[in-house]
Amino acid sequence: MKRRRIESYVTPDEYRQIVASARKAGLSVSKFIRRVCLAQETRSIVDHEAVLVLAKTNADMGRLGGLFKMALSEGKGRSDELRATLRGIEATKNELERNFNAVVDCFVNRSSRK
C-alpha cells in the first residue's frame, strides 16, 4: 500500500493546539490528524489516567475504612473520635464512588454516541 502525504497550513496557535491534543491522546501528530479527519476515536490518555487515579483512591479509602473498623473492634483509641472519623471516611468514599461512576458513565455515553 502506497502512502500519500497531505499538507495543510495552520497558524502557530493552531499548531500548538494540535500538538497538545495529540499528546493528550498519546498519539503522534500524524496519527492524531488522520484519526480526527477520518472520524475515528481519539481517547485522551489523561481521561484514562483520571479514572485510574479515582479507582486507586477509592480502593485506598476502602482499606483505610477497614483499618478503622479493625481499630474500633480491638478497642484502640477513643471510640467516639474513631467513629466520627470512620463516618467521614465512609461519606468521602461514597462521594468518590459516585464521582467514579459518573466518569465511567461519561466514557460509556461518549463511546455509544460514536
N, C-alpha and C. Protein backbone atom coordinates (compact mmCIF):
# COMPACT_ATOMS: atom_id res chain seq x y z
N MET A 1 0.85 -1.17 0.00
CA MET A 1 0.00 0.00 0.00
C MET A 1 0.90 1.24 0.00
N LYS A 2 0.70 2.07 -0.98
CA LYS A 2 1.48 3.29 -1.08
C LYS A 2 0.83 4.39 -0.23
N ARG A 3 1.63 5.06 0.56
CA ARG A 3 1.11 6.15 1.40
C ARG A 3 1.26 7.46 0.67
N ARG A 4 0.32 8.35 0.94
CA ARG A 4 0.34 9.69 0.34
C ARG A 4 0.47 10.72 1.44
N ARG A 5 1.14 11.79 1.16
CA ARG A 5 1.34 12.87 2.11
C ARG A 5 0.32 13.98 1.82
N ILE A 6 -0.28 14.50 2.90
CA ILE A 6 -1.22 15.61 2.79
C ILE A 6 -0.63 16.78 3.57
N GLU A 7 -0.62 17.94 2.98
CA GLU A 7 -0.10 19.12 3.67
C GLU A 7 -1.24 20.08 3.99
N SER A 8 -1.07 20.79 5.07
CA SER A 8 -2.07 21.78 5.48
C SER A 8 -1.35 22.92 6.19
N TYR A 9 -1.86 24.10 6.02
CA TYR A 9 -1.29 25.26 6.68
C TYR A 9 -2.13 25.59 7.91
N VAL A 10 -1.45 25.82 9.03
CA VAL A 10 -2.11 26.19 10.27
C VAL A 10 -1.34 27.34 10.90
N THR A 11 -2.02 28.08 11.74
CA THR A 11 -1.36 29.16 12.46
C THR A 11 -0.49 28.55 13.56
N PRO A 12 0.43 29.31 14.11
CA PRO A 12 1.24 28.78 15.23
C PRO A 12 0.37 28.33 16.41
N ASP A 13 -0.70 29.07 16.70
CA ASP A 13 -1.58 28.70 17.80
C ASP A 13 -2.32 27.40 17.48
N GLU A 14 -2.79 27.25 16.25
CA GLU A 14 -3.47 26.01 15.85
C GLU A 14 -2.50 24.83 15.95
N TYR A 15 -1.27 25.06 15.52
CA TYR A 15 -0.25 24.00 15.59
C TYR A 15 -0.03 23.56 17.04
N ARG A 16 0.09 24.52 17.95
CA ARG A 16 0.28 24.19 19.37
C ARG A 16 -0.91 23.39 19.90
N GLN A 17 -2.12 23.79 19.50
CA GLN A 17 -3.32 23.08 19.95
C GLN A 17 -3.35 21.64 19.42
N ILE A 18 -2.97 21.47 18.16
CA ILE A 18 -2.95 20.14 17.56
C ILE A 18 -1.92 19.26 18.26
N VAL A 19 -0.74 19.78 18.48
CA VAL A 19 0.32 19.02 19.16
C VAL A 19 -0.12 18.65 20.57
N ALA A 20 -0.71 19.60 21.30
CA ALA A 20 -1.17 19.34 22.67
C ALA A 20 -2.25 18.26 22.68
N SER A 21 -3.18 18.34 21.74
CA SER A 21 -4.25 17.34 21.67
C SER A 21 -3.70 15.96 21.34
N ALA A 22 -2.73 15.91 20.44
CA ALA A 22 -2.11 14.63 20.09
C ALA A 22 -1.41 14.03 21.31
N ARG A 23 -0.72 14.86 22.06
CA ARG A 23 -0.04 14.37 23.28
C ARG A 23 -1.05 13.82 24.27
N LYS A 24 -2.16 14.56 24.47
CA LYS A 24 -3.19 14.10 25.41
C LYS A 24 -3.76 12.75 24.99
N ALA A 25 -3.83 12.52 23.69
CA ALA A 25 -4.36 11.25 23.18
C ALA A 25 -3.29 10.17 23.14
N GLY A 26 -2.02 10.54 23.40
CA GLY A 26 -0.94 9.58 23.36
C GLY A 26 -0.61 9.13 21.94
N LEU A 27 -0.82 10.02 20.97
CA LEU A 27 -0.60 9.71 19.57
C LEU A 27 0.40 10.65 18.94
N SER A 28 1.01 10.22 17.85
CA SER A 28 1.83 11.15 17.07
C SER A 28 0.89 12.16 16.41
N VAL A 29 1.43 13.29 16.02
CA VAL A 29 0.61 14.31 15.36
C VAL A 29 -0.01 13.72 14.09
N SER A 30 0.77 12.99 13.33
CA SER A 30 0.29 12.40 12.08
C SER A 30 -0.89 11.45 12.34
N LYS A 31 -0.73 10.55 13.30
CA LYS A 31 -1.79 9.59 13.61
C LYS A 31 -3.01 10.30 14.17
N PHE A 32 -2.79 11.33 15.00
CA PHE A 32 -3.90 12.09 15.58
C PHE A 32 -4.71 12.76 14.48
N ILE A 33 -4.03 13.46 13.56
CA ILE A 33 -4.72 14.16 12.47
C ILE A 33 -5.49 13.16 11.61
N ARG A 34 -4.85 12.04 11.31
CA ARG A 34 -5.51 11.01 10.48
C ARG A 34 -6.79 10.53 11.16
N ARG A 35 -6.71 10.24 12.46
CA ARG A 35 -7.90 9.75 13.18
C ARG A 35 -9.00 10.80 13.24
N VAL A 36 -8.63 12.05 13.51
CA VAL A 36 -9.64 13.11 13.57
C VAL A 36 -10.30 13.29 12.21
N CYS A 37 -9.50 13.34 11.16
CA CYS A 37 -10.05 13.57 9.81
C CYS A 37 -10.92 12.41 9.35
N LEU A 38 -10.64 11.21 9.81
CA LEU A 38 -11.42 10.04 9.42
C LEU A 38 -12.50 9.70 10.45
N ALA A 39 -12.73 10.62 11.38
CA ALA A 39 -13.76 10.47 12.42
C ALA A 39 -13.57 9.18 13.22
N GLN A 40 -12.31 8.86 13.50
CA GLN A 40 -12.00 7.70 14.33
C GLN A 40 -11.79 8.16 15.77
N GLU A 41 -11.87 7.24 16.68
CA GLU A 41 -11.77 7.56 18.10
C GLU A 41 -10.37 8.05 18.47
N THR A 42 -10.33 9.11 19.29
CA THR A 42 -9.06 9.64 19.82
C THR A 42 -9.24 9.89 21.31
N ARG A 43 -9.23 8.83 22.09
CA ARG A 43 -9.41 8.97 23.53
C ARG A 43 -8.19 9.64 24.16
N SER A 44 -8.46 10.42 25.16
CA SER A 44 -7.39 11.10 25.88
C SER A 44 -6.79 10.18 26.92
N ILE A 45 -5.45 10.08 26.94
CA ILE A 45 -4.82 9.28 27.98
C ILE A 45 -4.97 9.96 29.33
N VAL A 46 -5.20 11.28 29.32
CA VAL A 46 -5.44 12.00 30.57
C VAL A 46 -6.73 11.49 31.20
N ASP A 47 -7.77 11.25 30.38
CA ASP A 47 -9.03 10.70 30.89
C ASP A 47 -8.80 9.35 31.53
N HIS A 48 -8.04 8.49 30.87
CA HIS A 48 -7.78 7.16 31.41
C HIS A 48 -6.99 7.25 32.72
N GLU A 49 -6.04 8.15 32.76
CA GLU A 49 -5.26 8.33 33.99
C GLU A 49 -6.15 8.82 35.12
N ALA A 50 -7.10 9.70 34.82
CA ALA A 50 -8.02 10.20 35.84
C ALA A 50 -8.86 9.07 36.41
N VAL A 51 -9.33 8.18 35.56
CA VAL A 51 -10.12 7.04 36.02
C VAL A 51 -9.27 6.13 36.90
N LEU A 52 -8.02 5.90 36.51
CA LEU A 52 -7.14 5.05 37.32
C LEU A 52 -6.88 5.67 38.68
N VAL A 53 -6.69 6.99 38.72
CA VAL A 53 -6.46 7.67 40.00
C VAL A 53 -7.70 7.55 40.88
N LEU A 54 -8.89 7.76 40.28
CA LEU A 54 -10.13 7.61 41.05
C LEU A 54 -10.28 6.19 41.59
N ALA A 55 -9.98 5.20 40.77
CA ALA A 55 -10.11 3.81 41.21
C ALA A 55 -9.14 3.50 42.35
N LYS A 56 -7.90 3.98 42.22
CA LYS A 56 -6.90 3.74 43.25
C LYS A 56 -7.29 4.44 44.55
N THR A 57 -7.76 5.67 44.45
CA THR A 57 -8.16 6.41 45.64
C THR A 57 -9.35 5.73 46.31
N ASN A 58 -10.28 5.25 45.51
CA ASN A 58 -11.43 4.55 46.06
C ASN A 58 -10.98 3.30 46.81
N ALA A 59 -10.05 2.56 46.25
CA ALA A 59 -9.54 1.36 46.93
C ALA A 59 -8.81 1.74 48.21
N ASP A 60 -8.03 2.81 48.17
CA ASP A 60 -7.33 3.27 49.38
C ASP A 60 -8.31 3.66 50.47
N MET A 61 -9.39 4.33 50.09
CA MET A 61 -10.40 4.72 51.08
C MET A 61 -11.04 3.49 51.70
N GLY A 62 -11.28 2.46 50.90
CA GLY A 62 -11.85 1.22 51.43
C GLY A 62 -10.92 0.56 52.42
N ARG A 63 -9.63 0.52 52.09
CA ARG A 63 -8.64 -0.08 53.00
C ARG A 63 -8.55 0.72 54.30
N LEU A 64 -8.57 2.05 54.18
CA LEU A 64 -8.49 2.89 55.37
C LEU A 64 -9.71 2.67 56.26
N GLY A 65 -10.87 2.58 55.65
CA GLY A 65 -12.08 2.30 56.42
C GLY A 65 -11.97 0.96 57.14
N GLY A 66 -11.41 -0.04 56.45
CA GLY A 66 -11.23 -1.35 57.07
C GLY A 66 -10.29 -1.30 58.26
N LEU A 67 -9.22 -0.53 58.14
CA LEU A 67 -8.30 -0.38 59.26
C LEU A 67 -8.96 0.31 60.45
N PHE A 68 -9.80 1.31 60.17
CA PHE A 68 -10.50 1.98 61.27
C PHE A 68 -11.48 1.04 61.94
N LYS A 69 -12.19 0.24 61.16
CA LYS A 69 -13.11 -0.73 61.74
C LYS A 69 -12.37 -1.72 62.63
N MET A 70 -11.19 -2.15 62.17
CA MET A 70 -10.38 -3.07 62.96
C MET A 70 -9.94 -2.39 64.26
N ALA A 71 -9.52 -1.12 64.20
CA ALA A 71 -9.11 -0.40 65.41
C ALA A 71 -10.28 -0.29 66.38
N LEU A 72 -11.47 -0.05 65.86
CA LEU A 72 -12.65 0.03 66.72
C LEU A 72 -12.92 -1.31 67.41
N SER A 73 -12.84 -2.39 66.63
CA SER A 73 -13.16 -3.70 67.21
C SER A 73 -12.12 -4.14 68.24
N GLU A 74 -10.88 -3.65 68.10
CA GLU A 74 -9.82 -4.00 69.06
C GLU A 74 -9.77 -3.03 70.23
N GLY A 75 -10.60 -1.98 70.21
CA GLY A 75 -10.67 -1.04 71.31
C GLY A 75 -9.51 -0.07 71.39
N LYS A 76 -8.86 0.19 70.29
CA LYS A 76 -7.73 1.13 70.29
C LYS A 76 -8.25 2.54 70.05
N GLY A 77 -7.81 3.48 70.86
CA GLY A 77 -8.19 4.88 70.69
C GLY A 77 -9.56 5.16 71.27
N ARG A 78 -9.94 6.43 71.25
CA ARG A 78 -11.26 6.83 71.75
C ARG A 78 -12.29 6.49 70.69
N SER A 79 -13.25 5.67 71.09
CA SER A 79 -14.21 5.14 70.12
C SER A 79 -15.07 6.24 69.49
N ASP A 80 -15.40 7.30 70.25
CA ASP A 80 -16.24 8.35 69.66
C ASP A 80 -15.48 9.11 68.56
N GLU A 81 -14.18 9.34 68.77
CA GLU A 81 -13.37 10.01 67.75
C GLU A 81 -13.18 9.09 66.54
N LEU A 82 -12.91 7.81 66.81
CA LEU A 82 -12.73 6.86 65.72
C LEU A 82 -14.01 6.70 64.90
N ARG A 83 -15.15 6.64 65.60
CA ARG A 83 -16.42 6.50 64.88
C ARG A 83 -16.71 7.74 64.02
N ALA A 84 -16.42 8.92 64.53
CA ALA A 84 -16.63 10.15 63.75
C ALA A 84 -15.71 10.16 62.51
N THR A 85 -14.48 9.75 62.72
CA THR A 85 -13.54 9.67 61.60
C THR A 85 -14.00 8.63 60.58
N LEU A 86 -14.47 7.50 61.06
CA LEU A 86 -14.95 6.45 60.17
C LEU A 86 -16.16 6.93 59.36
N ARG A 87 -17.06 7.65 60.00
CA ARG A 87 -18.22 8.19 59.26
C ARG A 87 -17.75 9.15 58.16
N GLY A 88 -16.73 9.95 58.48
CA GLY A 88 -16.17 10.86 57.46
C GLY A 88 -15.54 10.10 56.30
N ILE A 89 -14.82 9.04 56.63
CA ILE A 89 -14.19 8.21 55.60
C ILE A 89 -15.27 7.57 54.73
N GLU A 90 -16.29 7.03 55.36
CA GLU A 90 -17.36 6.38 54.60
C GLU A 90 -18.09 7.38 53.70
N ALA A 91 -18.34 8.58 54.20
CA ALA A 91 -19.00 9.60 53.38
C ALA A 91 -18.13 10.00 52.19
N THR A 92 -16.83 10.17 52.45
CA THR A 92 -15.91 10.53 51.37
C THR A 92 -15.80 9.40 50.35
N LYS A 93 -15.75 8.16 50.83
CA LYS A 93 -15.68 7.01 49.93
C LYS A 93 -16.93 6.94 49.07
N ASN A 94 -18.10 7.17 49.65
CA ASN A 94 -19.35 7.14 48.89
C ASN A 94 -19.37 8.24 47.82
N GLU A 95 -18.91 9.43 48.18
CA GLU A 95 -18.85 10.52 47.21
C GLU A 95 -17.86 10.20 46.09
N LEU A 96 -16.73 9.64 46.45
CA LEU A 96 -15.73 9.25 45.46
C LEU A 96 -16.28 8.19 44.52
N GLU A 97 -17.01 7.25 45.07
CA GLU A 97 -17.61 6.20 44.24
C GLU A 97 -18.64 6.78 43.27
N ARG A 98 -19.44 7.73 43.74
CA ARG A 98 -20.41 8.39 42.84
C ARG A 98 -19.68 9.12 41.72
N ASN A 99 -18.59 9.83 42.06
CA ASN A 99 -17.82 10.55 41.05
C ASN A 99 -17.18 9.58 40.06
N PHE A 100 -16.66 8.48 40.56
CA PHE A 100 -16.05 7.46 39.71
C PHE A 100 -17.10 6.91 38.73
N ASN A 101 -18.28 6.59 39.24
CA ASN A 101 -19.35 6.07 38.38
C ASN A 101 -19.78 7.10 37.34
N ALA A 102 -19.80 8.38 37.72
CA ALA A 102 -20.16 9.44 36.77
C ALA A 102 -19.13 9.53 35.64
N VAL A 103 -17.84 9.39 35.98
CA VAL A 103 -16.79 9.44 34.96
C VAL A 103 -16.92 8.24 34.03
N VAL A 104 -17.14 7.07 34.59
CA VAL A 104 -17.29 5.86 33.78
C VAL A 104 -18.52 5.99 32.87
N ASP A 105 -19.63 6.49 33.42
CA ASP A 105 -20.84 6.70 32.61
C ASP A 105 -20.56 7.66 31.46
N CYS A 106 -19.77 8.68 31.72
CA CYS A 106 -19.40 9.65 30.68
C CYS A 106 -18.67 8.94 29.55
N PHE A 107 -17.73 8.06 29.89
CA PHE A 107 -17.00 7.30 28.87
C PHE A 107 -17.95 6.40 28.07
N VAL A 108 -18.84 5.73 28.78
CA VAL A 108 -19.77 4.82 28.13
C VAL A 108 -20.68 5.60 27.17
N ASN A 109 -21.20 6.74 27.65
CA ASN A 109 -22.07 7.54 26.81
C ASN A 109 -21.32 8.11 25.61
N ARG A 110 -20.08 8.51 25.80
CA ARG A 110 -19.26 9.05 24.71
C ARG A 110 -19.03 7.97 23.66
N SER A 111 -18.75 6.76 24.12
CA SER A 111 -18.49 5.65 23.19
C SER A 111 -19.74 5.25 22.43
N SER A 112 -20.89 5.28 23.10
CA SER A 112 -22.13 4.84 22.44
C SER A 112 -22.62 5.86 21.42
N ARG A 113 -22.18 7.10 21.51
CA ARG A 113 -22.59 8.12 20.53
C ARG A 113 -21.84 7.99 19.22
N LYS A 114 -20.73 7.26 19.24
CA LYS A 114 -19.90 7.15 18.02
C LYS A 114 -20.36 6.03 17.14
